[in-house]
């Protein structure tokens, strides 16, 4: 059973999400090819070739693929689809943008946000904000699957590199164009793949108090900073810090929730964390129902005390 993994990368490097999606792909079948679509993407292709379990890396380079716009990238994948039973991508912004178009062009159902591979044609995925797990068996000729990368460990780097094969991109009309990337500067670990996450909620009260309270603890722990939707909507943190159903889904070794009540939408994005520590002045807050350790008290006293104790 041949599998095509559409990799997430920035041309210069391969995203860890791709290595995690590879682990899922290898549970579906043993023959996995990785597609690197971009421009000047040889470094990403070399990183993909070094991963254990990769049969070969397909490298497609063209100006139309430099930002992996949906139309040319989907056309390329559809061009290759005849050789594969399953097409997989991590459920990142790029994967969520491209694979639905691939599924539509192939006239098949997409399986989204898969968290467990039961069998090559059977998968588990969360529904109802993570309150229920759906088991789906696909009878499609080609399975199109996005993988929730937080649910899988990254594939290891092997001793021998897989061959890199250059392929020609598909020719499609220029239906869209890339204008600009606006990225926030952040020296901390990537939120989606960090081992430790310190998150703040609306109880922080302001952007200044959020940064003064959360950032020192995150820096001391080498952690990523997260935020609830309420904190993001209030302007305390940037949009890409949001954890939850409409933000990023994380599953770190340690998740520290500071002043977060635990609305169901937030829990959907972090309840799979290995250890959850909740700090809240309200002892009845829903966050304590999923927390391994709970501290009832003032976050402006407790969080600085934790930082000083480390």
C-alpha atoms as a PDB file:
ATOM      1  CA  UNK A   1       0.000   0.000   0.000  1.00  0.00           C
ATOM      2  CA  UNK A   2       1.675   3.201  -1.213  1.00  0.00           C
ATOM      3  CA  UNK A   3       1.175   6.441   0.719  1.00  0.00           C
ATOM      4  CA  UNK A   4       1.969  10.021  -0.325  1.00  0.00           C
ATOM      5  CA  UNK A   5       2.760  12.445   2.505  1.00  0.00           C
ATOM      6  CA  UNK A   6       2.413  16.122   1.604  1.00  0.00           C
ATOM      7  CA  UNK A   7       5.070  17.730   3.786  1.00  0.00           C
ATOM      8  CA  UNK A   8       4.808  20.963   5.725  1.00  0.00           C
ATOM      9  CA  UNK A   9       7.970  23.091   5.320  1.00  0.00           C
ATOM     10  CA  UNK A  10       9.267  26.595   4.638  1.00  0.00           C
ATOM     11  CA  UNK A  11      11.633  25.560   1.799  1.00  0.00           C
ATOM     12  CA  UNK A  12      14.677  25.989   4.047  1.00  0.00           C
ATOM     13  CA  UNK A  13      13.647  23.434   6.675  1.00  0.00           C
ATOM     14  CA  UNK A  14      11.158  20.647   7.313  1.00  0.00           C
ATOM     15  CA  UNK A  15       8.474  21.195   9.943  1.00  0.00           C
ATOM     16  CA  UNK A  16       8.317  18.767  12.857  1.00  0.00           C
ATOM     17  CA  UNK A  17       4.641  18.340  11.961  1.00  0.00           C
ATOM     18  CA  UNK A  18       5.784  16.437   8.873  1.00  0.00           C
ATOM     19  CA  UNK A  19       7.875  14.036  10.960  1.00  0.00           C
ATOM     20  CA  UNK A  20       4.870  13.409  13.197  1.00  0.00           C
ATOM     21  CA  UNK A  21       2.585  12.880  10.199  1.00  0.00           C
ATOM     22  CA  UNK A  22       5.137  10.380   8.876  1.00  0.00           C
ATOM     23  CA  UNK A  23       4.674   8.307  12.042  1.00  0.00           C
ATOM     24  CA  UNK A  24       0.938   8.192  11.305  1.00  0.00           C
ATOM     25  CA  UNK A  25       1.552   7.326   7.647  1.00  0.00           C
ATOM     26  CA  UNK A  26       3.827   4.429   8.604  1.00  0.00           C
ATOM     27  CA  UNK A  27       1.010   2.991  10.724  1.00  0.00           C
ATOM     28  CA  UNK A  28      -1.141   2.912   7.570  1.00  0.00           C
ATOM     29  CA  UNK A  29       1.454   1.266   5.336  1.00  0.00           C
ATOM     30  CA  UNK A  30       5.170   0.671   4.887  1.00  0.00           C
ATOM     31  CA  UNK A  31       5.708   2.395   1.525  1.00  0.00           C
ATOM     32  CA  UNK A  32       5.684   6.142   2.177  1.00  0.00           C
ATOM     33  CA  UNK A  33       6.819   8.799  -0.275  1.00  0.00           C
ATOM     34  CA  UNK A  34       7.162  12.407   0.888  1.00  0.00           C
ATOM     35  CA  UNK A  35       6.228  15.248  -1.436  1.00  0.00           C
ATOM     36  CA  UNK A  36       8.215  18.472  -1.073  1.00  0.00           C
ATOM     37  CA  UNK A  37       6.534  21.170  -3.158  1.00  0.00           C
ATOM     38  CA  UNK A  38       8.212  24.562  -3.160  1.00  0.00           C
ATOM     39  CA  UNK A  39      11.035  26.610  -4.629  1.00  0.00           C
ATOM     40  CA  UNK A  40      14.642  26.346  -3.473  1.00  0.00           C
ATOM     41  CA  UNK A  41      13.385  23.530  -1.256  1.00  0.00           C
ATOM     42  CA  UNK A  42      16.362  21.162  -1.529  1.00  0.00           C
ATOM     43  CA  UNK A  43      17.224  21.609   2.209  1.00  0.00           C
ATOM     44  CA  UNK A  44      13.692  20.531   3.189  1.00  0.00           C
ATOM     45  CA  UNK A  45      13.904  17.575   0.800  1.00  0.00           C
ATOM     46  CA  UNK A  46      17.227  16.474   2.310  1.00  0.00           C
ATOM     47  CA  UNK A  47      15.739  16.661   5.819  1.00  0.00           C
ATOM     48  CA  UNK A  48      12.759  14.571   4.671  1.00  0.00           C
ATOM     49  CA  UNK A  49      15.049  12.006   3.039  1.00  0.00           C
ATOM     50  CA  UNK A  50      16.860  11.507   6.348  1.00  0.00           C
ATOM     51  CA  UNK A  51      13.721  10.377   8.190  1.00  0.00           C
ATOM     52  CA  UNK A  52      13.353   6.690   8.991  1.00  0.00           C
ATOM     53  CA  UNK A  53      10.774   4.819   6.918  1.00  0.00           C
ATOM     54  CA  UNK A  54      10.764   7.055   3.848  1.00  0.00           C
ATOM     55  CA  UNK A  55      10.863   5.178   0.540  1.00  0.00           C
ATOM     56  CA  UNK A  56      11.706   8.238  -1.561  1.00  0.00           C
ATOM     57  CA  UNK A  57      11.260  12.003  -1.607  1.00  0.00           C
ATOM     58  CA  UNK A  58       9.520  13.688  -4.535  1.00  0.00           C
ATOM     59  CA  UNK A  59      10.826  17.216  -5.049  1.00  0.00           C
ATOM     60  CA  UNK A  60       8.754  19.595  -7.183  1.00  0.00           C
ATOM     61  CA  UNK A  61      10.162  23.105  -7.546  1.00  0.00           C
ATOM     62  CA  UNK A  62       8.504  26.007  -9.307  1.00  0.00           C
ATOM     63  CA  UNK A  63       7.667  29.616  -8.603  1.00  0.00           C
ATOM     64  CA  UNK A  64       3.976  28.741  -8.381  1.00  0.00           C
ATOM     65  CA  UNK A  65       4.741  26.331  -5.520  1.00  0.00           C
ATOM     66  CA  UNK A  66       6.982  28.610  -3.460  1.00  0.00           C
ATOM     67  CA  UNK A  67       4.173  29.413  -0.984  1.00  0.00           C
ATOM     68  CA  UNK A  68       2.199  26.202  -1.611  1.00  0.00           C
ATOM     69  CA  UNK A  69      -0.936  27.944  -2.846  1.00  0.00           C
ATOM     70  CA  UNK A  70      -3.914  25.597  -2.966  1.00  0.00           C
ATOM     71  CA  UNK A  71      -4.525  25.523  -6.727  1.00  0.00           C
ATOM     72  CA  UNK A  72      -1.076  24.554  -8.110  1.00  0.00           C
ATOM     73  CA  UNK A  73      -0.232  22.343  -5.122  1.00  0.00           C
ATOM     74  CA  UNK A  74      -3.524  20.433  -5.274  1.00  0.00           C
ATOM     75  CA  UNK A  75      -3.106  19.972  -9.035  1.00  0.00           C
ATOM     76  CA  UNK A  76       0.354  18.498  -8.438  1.00  0.00           C
ATOM     77  CA  UNK A  77      -0.950  16.059  -5.818  1.00  0.00           C
ATOM     78  CA  UNK A  78      -3.861  14.994  -8.048  1.00  0.00           C
ATOM     79  CA  UNK A  79      -1.348  14.417 -10.853  1.00  0.00           C
ATOM     80  CA  UNK A  80       0.494  11.964  -8.558  1.00  0.00           C
ATOM     81  CA  UNK A  81      -2.576  10.430  -6.900  1.00  0.00           C
ATOM     82  CA  UNK A  82      -2.923   7.508  -9.302  1.00  0.00           C
ATOM     83  CA  UNK A  83       0.132   5.825  -7.769  1.00  0.00           C
ATOM     84  CA  UNK A  84      -1.140   5.965  -4.177  1.00  0.00           C
ATOM     85  CA  UNK A  85      -3.879   4.496  -2.014  1.00  0.00           C
ATOM     86  CA  UNK A  86      -3.640   7.171   0.681  1.00  0.00           C
ATOM     87  CA  UNK A  87      -2.676  10.852   0.679  1.00  0.00           C
ATOM     88  CA  UNK A  88      -1.698  12.246   4.080  1.00  0.00           C
ATOM     89  CA  UNK A  89      -0.813  15.712   5.376  1.00  0.00           C
ATOM     90  CA  UNK A  90      -0.410  17.220   8.832  1.00  0.00           C
ATOM     91  CA  UNK A  91      -3.428  19.299   9.865  1.00  0.00           C
ATOM     92  CA  UNK A  92      -1.477  22.557   9.676  1.00  0.00           C
ATOM     93  CA  UNK A  93      -2.552  25.704   7.842  1.00  0.00           C
ATOM     94  CA  UNK A  94      -0.946  24.376   4.654  1.00  0.00           C
ATOM     95  CA  UNK A  95      -2.458  20.908   4.932  1.00  0.00           C
ATOM     96  CA  UNK A  96      -5.914  22.264   5.753  1.00  0.00           C
ATOM     97  CA  UNK A  97      -5.666  24.619   2.778  1.00  0.00           C
ATOM     98  CA  UNK A  98      -4.551  22.083   0.170  1.00  0.00           C
ATOM     99  CA  UNK A  99      -6.026  18.675   0.991  1.00  0.00           C
ATOM    100  CA  UNK A 100      -9.737  19.625   0.900  1.00  0.00           C
ATOM    101  CA  UNK A 101      -9.171  20.798  -2.664  1.00  0.00           C
ATOM    102  CA  UNK A 102      -7.389  17.534  -3.447  1.00  0.00           C
ATOM    103  CA  UNK A 103     -10.325  15.552  -2.051  1.00  0.00           C
ATOM    104  CA  UNK A 104     -12.793  17.610  -4.083  1.00  0.00           C
ATOM    105  CA  UNK A 105     -10.817  17.129  -7.306  1.00  0.00           C
ATOM    106  CA  UNK A 106     -10.620  13.385  -6.659  1.00  0.00           C
ATOM    107  CA  UNK A 107     -14.318  13.312  -5.675  1.00  0.00           C
ATOM    108  CA  UNK A 108     -13.634  11.509  -2.400  1.00  0.00           C
ATOM    109  CA  UNK A 109     -14.422  12.169   1.266  1.00  0.00           C
ATOM    110  CA  UNK A 110     -11.653  13.678   3.371  1.00  0.00           C
ATOM    111  CA  UNK A 111     -10.881  12.315   6.850  1.00  0.00           C
ATOM    112  CA  UNK A 112      -9.858  15.314   8.952  1.00  0.00           C
ATOM    113  CA  UNK A 113      -7.869  15.672  12.182  1.00  0.00           C
ATOM    114  CA  UNK A 114      -7.110  11.959  12.609  1.00  0.00           C
ATOM    115  CA  UNK A 115      -5.702  11.167  16.054  1.00  0.00           C
ATOM    116  CA  UNK A 116      -5.278   7.386  15.783  1.00  0.00           C
ATOM    117  CA  UNK A 117      -4.810   4.825  13.021  1.00  0.00           C
ATOM    118  CA  UNK A 118      -6.881   1.722  13.812  1.00  0.00           C
ATOM    119  CA  UNK A 119      -6.294  -0.025  10.470  1.00  0.00           C
ATOM    120  CA  UNK A 120      -5.158   1.094   7.004  1.00  0.00           C
ATOM    121  CA  UNK A 121      -8.758   2.063   6.191  1.00  0.00           C
ATOM    122  CA  UNK A 122     -10.037   2.885   9.703  1.00  0.00           C
ATOM    123  CA  UNK A 123      -9.252   5.957  11.782  1.00  0.00           C
ATOM    124  CA  UNK A 124     -10.259   7.770  14.973  1.00  0.00           C
ATOM    125  CA  UNK A 125     -10.967  11.493  15.028  1.00  0.00           C
ATOM    126  CA  UNK A 126     -12.515  13.843  17.612  1.00  0.00           C
ATOM    127  CA  UNK A 127     -15.973  15.349  17.159  1.00  0.00           C
ATOM    128  CA  UNK A 128     -18.138  17.675  19.277  1.00  0.00           C
ATOM    129  CA  UNK A 129     -15.124  19.706  20.428  1.00  0.00           C
ATOM    130  CA  UNK A 130     -13.311  16.540  21.473  1.00  0.00           C
ATOM    131  CA  UNK A 131     -16.133  15.258  23.692  1.00  0.00           C
ATOM    132  CA  UNK A 132     -16.586  12.176  21.520  1.00  0.00           C
ATOM    133  CA  UNK A 133     -14.252  10.108  19.353  1.00  0.00           C
ATOM    134  CA  UNK A 134     -15.566   8.977  15.980  1.00  0.00           C
ATOM    135  CA  UNK A 135     -14.308   5.752  14.376  1.00  0.00           C
ATOM    136  CA  UNK A 136     -14.448   6.083  10.582  1.00  0.00           C
ATOM    137  CA  UNK A 137     -13.869   3.348   8.029  1.00  0.00           C
ATOM    138  CA  UNK A 138     -13.222   4.619   4.519  1.00  0.00           C
ATOM    139  CA  UNK A 139     -14.204   2.716   1.380  1.00  0.00           C
ATOM    140  CA  UNK A 140     -12.845   5.382  -0.961  1.00  0.00           C
ATOM    141  CA  UNK A 141     -10.507   4.381  -3.790  1.00  0.00           C
ATOM    142  CA  UNK A 142      -8.062   7.009  -2.533  1.00  0.00           C
ATOM    143  CA  UNK A 143      -8.079   8.033   1.131  1.00  0.00           C
ATOM    144  CA  UNK A 144      -7.326  11.713   1.807  1.00  0.00           C
ATOM    145  CA  UNK A 145      -6.318  12.198   5.444  1.00  0.00           C
ATOM    146  CA  UNK A 146      -5.143  15.099   7.584  1.00  0.00           C
ATOM    147  CA  UNK A 147      -3.389  14.147  10.809  1.00  0.00           C
ATOM    148  CA  UNK A 148      -3.497  15.957  14.148  1.00  0.00           C
ATOM    149  CA  UNK A 149       0.259  15.931  14.627  1.00  0.00           C
ATOM    150  CA  UNK A 150       0.124  16.425  18.408  1.00  0.00           C
ATOM    151  CA  UNK A 151      -1.230  12.874  18.684  1.00  0.00           C
ATOM    152  CA  UNK A 152       1.833  11.232  17.124  1.00  0.00           C
ATOM    153  CA  UNK A 153       5.528  11.145  18.016  1.00  0.00           C
ATOM    154  CA  UNK A 154       7.948  12.443  15.378  1.00  0.00           C
ATOM    155  CA  UNK A 155       9.678   9.868  13.201  1.00  0.00           C
ATOM    156  CA  UNK A 156      13.368   9.394  13.967  1.00  0.00           C
ATOM    157  CA  UNK A 157      16.264  10.282  11.688  1.00  0.00           C
ATOM    158  CA  UNK A 158      17.787   7.243  10.024  1.00  0.00           C
ATOM    159  CA  UNK A 159      21.347   6.352   9.080  1.00  0.00           C
ATOM    160  CA  UNK A 160      20.690   6.170   5.322  1.00  0.00           C
ATOM    161  CA  UNK A 161      18.983   8.840   3.241  1.00  0.00           C
ATOM    162  CA  UNK A 162      16.139   7.988   0.891  1.00  0.00           C
ATOM    163  CA  UNK A 163      16.547   8.924  -2.801  1.00  0.00           C
ATOM    164  CA  UNK A 164      15.316  12.360  -3.891  1.00  0.00           C
ATOM    165  CA  UNK A 165      13.478  12.361  -7.234  1.00  0.00           C
ATOM    166  CA  UNK A 166      12.773  15.601  -9.116  1.00  0.00           C
ATOM    167  CA  UNK A 167       9.293  15.831 -10.641  1.00  0.00           C
ATOM    168  CA  UNK A 168       7.605  18.376 -12.875  1.00  0.00           C
ATOM    169  CA  UNK A 169       4.758  20.444 -11.406  1.00  0.00           C
ATOM    170  CA  UNK A 170       1.342  20.526 -13.026  1.00  0.00           C
ATOM    171  CA  UNK A 171       0.382  23.473 -15.214  1.00  0.00           C
ATOM    172  CA  UNK A 172      -2.722  25.247 -13.924  1.00  0.00           C
ATOM    173  CA  UNK A 173      -4.257  28.725 -14.389  1.00  0.00           C
ATOM    174  CA  UNK A 174      -3.071  31.343 -11.900  1.00  0.00           C
ATOM    175  CA  UNK A 175      -6.305  31.600  -9.930  1.00  0.00           C
ATOM    176  CA  UNK A 176      -4.642  33.130  -6.870  1.00  0.00           C
ATOM    177  CA  UNK A 177      -1.422  34.923  -6.038  1.00  0.00           C
ATOM    178  CA  UNK A 178       0.752  35.307  -2.966  1.00  0.00           C
ATOM    179  CA  UNK A 179       1.048  38.822  -1.564  1.00  0.00           C
ATOM    180  CA  UNK A 180       2.745  38.848   1.822  1.00  0.00           C
ATOM    181  CA  UNK A 181       3.581  36.789   4.876  1.00  0.00           C
ATOM    182  CA  UNK A 182       3.121  38.594   8.201  1.00  0.00           C
ATOM    183  CA  UNK A 183       4.788  36.492  10.878  1.00  0.00           C
ATOM    184  CA  UNK A 184       5.145  37.337  14.551  1.00  0.00           C
ATOM    185  CA  UNK A 185       8.710  37.187  15.900  1.00  0.00           C
ATOM    186  CA  UNK A 186       9.084  34.671  18.718  1.00  0.00           C
ATOM    187  CA  UNK A 187      12.253  33.192  20.208  1.00  0.00           C
ATOM    188  CA  UNK A 188      10.349  30.600  22.227  1.00  0.00           C
ATOM    189  CA  UNK A 189       9.566  27.022  21.102  1.00  0.00           C
ATOM    190  CA  UNK A 190       6.822  26.496  18.531  1.00  0.00           C
ATOM    191  CA  UNK A 191       3.500  26.276  20.358  1.00  0.00           C
ATOM    192  CA  UNK A 192       2.221  23.248  18.422  1.00  0.00           C
ATOM    193  CA  UNK A 193       5.241  21.069  19.193  1.00  0.00           C
ATOM    194  CA  UNK A 194       6.578  22.466  22.502  1.00  0.00           C
ATOM    195  CA  UNK A 195       7.195  20.061  25.407  1.00  0.00           C
ATOM    196  CA  UNK A 196       6.017  22.678  27.926  1.00  0.00           C
ATOM    197  CA  UNK A 197       3.293  25.304  27.444  1.00  0.00           C
ATOM    198  CA  UNK A 198       2.356  28.121  29.824  1.00  0.00           C
ATOM    199  CA  UNK A 199      -1.009  29.643  28.947  1.00  0.00           C
ATOM    200  CA  UNK A 200      -2.852  32.662  30.270  1.00  0.00           C
ATOM    201  CA  UNK A 201      -6.515  33.616  30.251  1.00  0.00           C
ATOM    202  CA  UNK A 202      -8.691  36.679  30.472  1.00  0.00           C
ATOM    203  CA  UNK A 203      -8.087  36.881  34.233  1.00  0.00           C
ATOM    204  CA  UNK A 204      -4.662  38.413  33.492  1.00  0.00           C
ATOM    205  CA  UNK A 205      -6.509  41.675  32.872  1.00  0.00           C
ATOM    206  CA  UNK A 206      -4.268  43.366  30.310  1.00  0.00           C
ATOM    207  CA  UNK A 207      -1.550  42.750  27.736  1.00  0.00           C
ATOM    208  CA  UNK A 208       1.058  44.231  30.084  1.00  0.00           C
ATOM    209  CA  UNK A 209       0.048  42.025  33.035  1.00  0.00           C
ATOM    210  CA  UNK A 210      -0.166  38.967  30.725  1.00  0.00           C
ATOM    211  CA  UNK A 211       3.421  39.461  29.579  1.00  0.00           C
ATOM    212  CA  UNK A 212       4.716  40.360  33.046  1.00  0.00           C
ATOM    213  CA  UNK A 213       3.120  37.288  34.623  1.00  0.00           C
ATOM    214  CA  UNK A 214       3.312  34.552  31.955  1.00  0.00           C
ATOM    215  CA  UNK A 215       6.537  35.331  30.089  1.00  0.00           C
ATOM    216  CA  UNK A 216       9.015  35.035  33.022  1.00  0.00           C
ATOM    217  CA  UNK A 217       7.684  31.580  33.962  1.00  0.00           C
ATOM    218  CA  UNK A 218       7.743  30.461  30.317  1.00  0.00           C
ATOM    219  CA  UNK A 219      11.309  31.731  29.914  1.00  0.00           C
ATOM    220  CA  UNK A 220      12.461  29.951  33.070  1.00  0.00           C
ATOM    221  CA  UNK A 221      10.913  26.659  31.861  1.00  0.00           C
ATOM    222  CA  UNK A 222      11.961  27.053  28.217  1.00  0.00           C
ATOM    223  CA  UNK A 223       8.258  26.854  27.379  1.00  0.00           C
ATOM    224  CA  UNK A 224       5.990  28.131  24.647  1.00  0.00           C
ATOM    225  CA  UNK A 225       3.372  30.738  25.560  1.00  0.00           C
ATOM    226  CA  UNK A 226      -0.288  30.037  24.892  1.00  0.00           C
ATOM    227  CA  UNK A 227      -3.529  31.869  25.537  1.00  0.00           C
ATOM    228  CA  UNK A 228      -7.245  31.263  25.731  1.00  0.00           C
ATOM    229  CA  UNK A 229      -9.522  32.675  23.053  1.00  0.00           C
ATOM    230  CA  UNK A 230     -10.857  35.214  25.535  1.00  0.00           C
ATOM    231  CA  UNK A 231      -7.327  36.498  26.181  1.00  0.00           C
ATOM    232  CA  UNK A 232      -6.622  36.714  22.450  1.00  0.00           C
ATOM    233  CA  UNK A 233      -9.919  38.473  21.731  1.00  0.00           C
ATOM    234  CA  UNK A 234      -9.128  40.964  24.501  1.00  0.00           C
ATOM    235  CA  UNK A 235      -5.786  41.752  22.852  1.00  0.00           C
ATOM    236  CA  UNK A 236      -3.591  40.299  25.606  1.00  0.00           C
ATOM    237  CA  UNK A 237      -1.825  37.888  23.206  1.00  0.00           C
ATOM    238  CA  UNK A 238      -1.358  37.420  19.479  1.00  0.00           C
ATOM    239  CA  UNK A 239      -3.728  35.208  17.465  1.00  0.00           C
ATOM    240  CA  UNK A 240      -1.077  32.530  16.907  1.00  0.00           C
ATOM    241  CA  UNK A 241      -0.876  32.009  20.689  1.00  0.00           C
ATOM    242  CA  UNK A 242      -4.480  30.793  20.878  1.00  0.00           C
ATOM    243  CA  UNK A 243      -4.999  27.249  22.159  1.00  0.00           C
ATOM    244  CA  UNK A 244      -8.348  25.598  21.614  1.00  0.00           C
ATOM    245  CA  UNK A 245     -10.926  24.399  19.126  1.00  0.00           C
ATOM    246  CA  UNK A 246     -10.510  27.504  16.948  1.00  0.00           C
ATOM    247  CA  UNK A 247      -6.789  27.861  17.713  1.00  0.00           C
ATOM    248  CA  UNK A 248      -3.969  25.362  17.995  1.00  0.00           C
ATOM    249  CA  UNK A 249      -4.255  21.866  19.393  1.00  0.00           C
ATOM    250  CA  UNK A 250      -1.356  20.995  21.695  1.00  0.00           C
ATOM    251  CA  UNK A 251      -0.357  17.925  23.683  1.00  0.00           C
ATOM    252  CA  UNK A 252       2.817  18.854  25.593  1.00  0.00           C
ATOM    253  CA  UNK A 253       4.392  16.958  28.460  1.00  0.00           C
ATOM    254  CA  UNK A 254       3.382  19.830  30.777  1.00  0.00           C
ATOM    255  CA  UNK A 255       0.575  22.369  30.314  1.00  0.00           C
ATOM    256  CA  UNK A 256       0.225  25.163  32.881  1.00  0.00           C
ATOM    257  CA  UNK A 257      -3.095  27.029  32.670  1.00  0.00           C
ATOM    258  CA  UNK A 258      -3.013  30.380  34.467  1.00  0.00           C
ATOM    259  CA  UNK A 259      -6.320  32.158  35.021  1.00  0.00           C
ATOM    260  CA  UNK A 260      -8.147  29.990  32.448  1.00  0.00           C
ATOM    261  CA  UNK A 261     -11.633  28.860  33.478  1.00  0.00           C
ATOM    262  CA  UNK A 262     -11.664  25.857  31.151  1.00  0.00           C
ATOM    263  CA  UNK A 263     -14.380  26.471  28.574  1.00  0.00           C
ATOM    264  CA  UNK A 264     -15.034  23.409  26.440  1.00  0.00           C
ATOM    265  CA  UNK A 265     -13.516  25.094  23.390  1.00  0.00           C
ATOM    266  CA  UNK A 266     -10.204  25.575  25.227  1.00  0.00           C
ATOM    267  CA  UNK A 267     -10.209  22.068  26.689  1.00  0.00           C
ATOM    268  CA  UNK A 268     -10.550  20.647  23.167  1.00  0.00           C
ATOM    269  CA  UNK A 269      -7.137  22.089  22.361  1.00  0.00           C
ATOM    270  CA  UNK A 270      -5.126  20.929  25.397  1.00  0.00           C
ATOM    271  CA  UNK A 271      -6.808  18.146  27.360  1.00  0.00           C
ATOM    272  CA  UNK A 272      -4.507  15.501  25.803  1.00  0.00           C
ATOM    273  CA  UNK A 273      -1.494  17.065  27.542  1.00  0.00           C
ATOM    274  CA  UNK A 274       0.424  14.553  29.653  1.00  0.00           C
ATOM    275  CA  UNK A 275       0.339  16.667  32.844  1.00  0.00           C
ATOM    276  CA  UNK A 276      -2.013  19.629  33.332  1.00  0.00           C
ATOM    277  CA  UNK A 277      -1.486  22.179  36.106  1.00  0.00           C
ATOM    278  CA  UNK A 278      -4.331  24.650  36.678  1.00  0.00           C
ATOM    279  CA  UNK A 279      -4.067  27.882  38.654  1.00  0.00           C
ATOM    280  CA  UNK A 280      -7.336  29.736  39.254  1.00  0.00           C
ATOM    281  CA  UNK A 281      -8.943  31.712  42.024  1.00  0.00           C
ATOM    282  CA  UNK A 282     -12.267  29.920  41.438  1.00  0.00           C
ATOM    283  CA  UNK A 283     -12.141  26.460  42.975  1.00  0.00           C
ATOM    284  CA  UNK A 284     -15.215  25.442  40.913  1.00  0.00           C
ATOM    285  CA  UNK A 285     -13.662  26.335  37.541  1.00  0.00           C
ATOM    286  CA  UNK A 286     -14.120  23.551  34.914  1.00  0.00           C
ATOM    287  CA  UNK A 287     -10.354  23.488  34.258  1.00  0.00           C
ATOM    288  CA  UNK A 288      -9.866  21.627  37.551  1.00  0.00           C
ATOM    289  CA  UNK A 289     -11.897  18.674  36.210  1.00  0.00           C
ATOM    290  CA  UNK A 290      -9.147  17.849  33.693  1.00  0.00           C
ATOM    291  CA  UNK A 291      -6.161  19.050  35.729  1.00  0.00           C
ATOM    292  CA  UNK A 292      -3.698  16.640  37.308  1.00  0.00           C
ATOM    293  CA  UNK A 293      -2.668  19.334  39.791  1.00  0.00           C
ATOM    294  CA  UNK A 294      -4.768  22.302  40.829  1.00  0.00           C
ATOM    295  CA  UNK A 295      -3.871  25.429  42.773  1.00  0.00           C
ATOM    296  CA  UNK A 296      -6.678  27.662  44.010  1.00  0.00           C
ATOM    297  CA  UNK A 297      -5.410  31.173  44.520  1.00  0.00           C
ATOM    298  CA  UNK A 298      -4.389  34.495  43.005  1.00  0.00           C
ATOM    299  CA  UNK A 299      -2.357  33.971  39.825  1.00  0.00           C
ATOM    300  CA  UNK A 300      -0.511  37.231  40.430  1.00  0.00           C
ATOM    301  CA  UNK A 301       0.900  35.743  43.633  1.00  0.00           C
ATOM    302  CA  UNK A 302       1.285  32.088  42.678  1.00  0.00           C
ATOM    303  CA  UNK A 303       2.827  32.370  39.199  1.00  0.00           C
ATOM    304  CA  UNK A 304       5.663  34.727  40.254  1.00  0.00           C
ATOM    305  CA  UNK A 305       6.284  32.493  43.285  1.00  0.00           C
ATOM    306  CA  UNK A 306       6.600  29.467  40.980  1.00  0.00           C
ATOM    307  CA  UNK A 307       9.033  31.376  38.777  1.00  0.00           C
ATOM    308  CA  UNK A 308      11.169  32.376  41.745  1.00  0.00           C
ATOM    309  CA  UNK A 309      11.222  28.805  43.061  1.00  0.00           C
ATOM    310  CA  UNK A 310      12.576  27.355  39.809  1.00  0.00           C
END
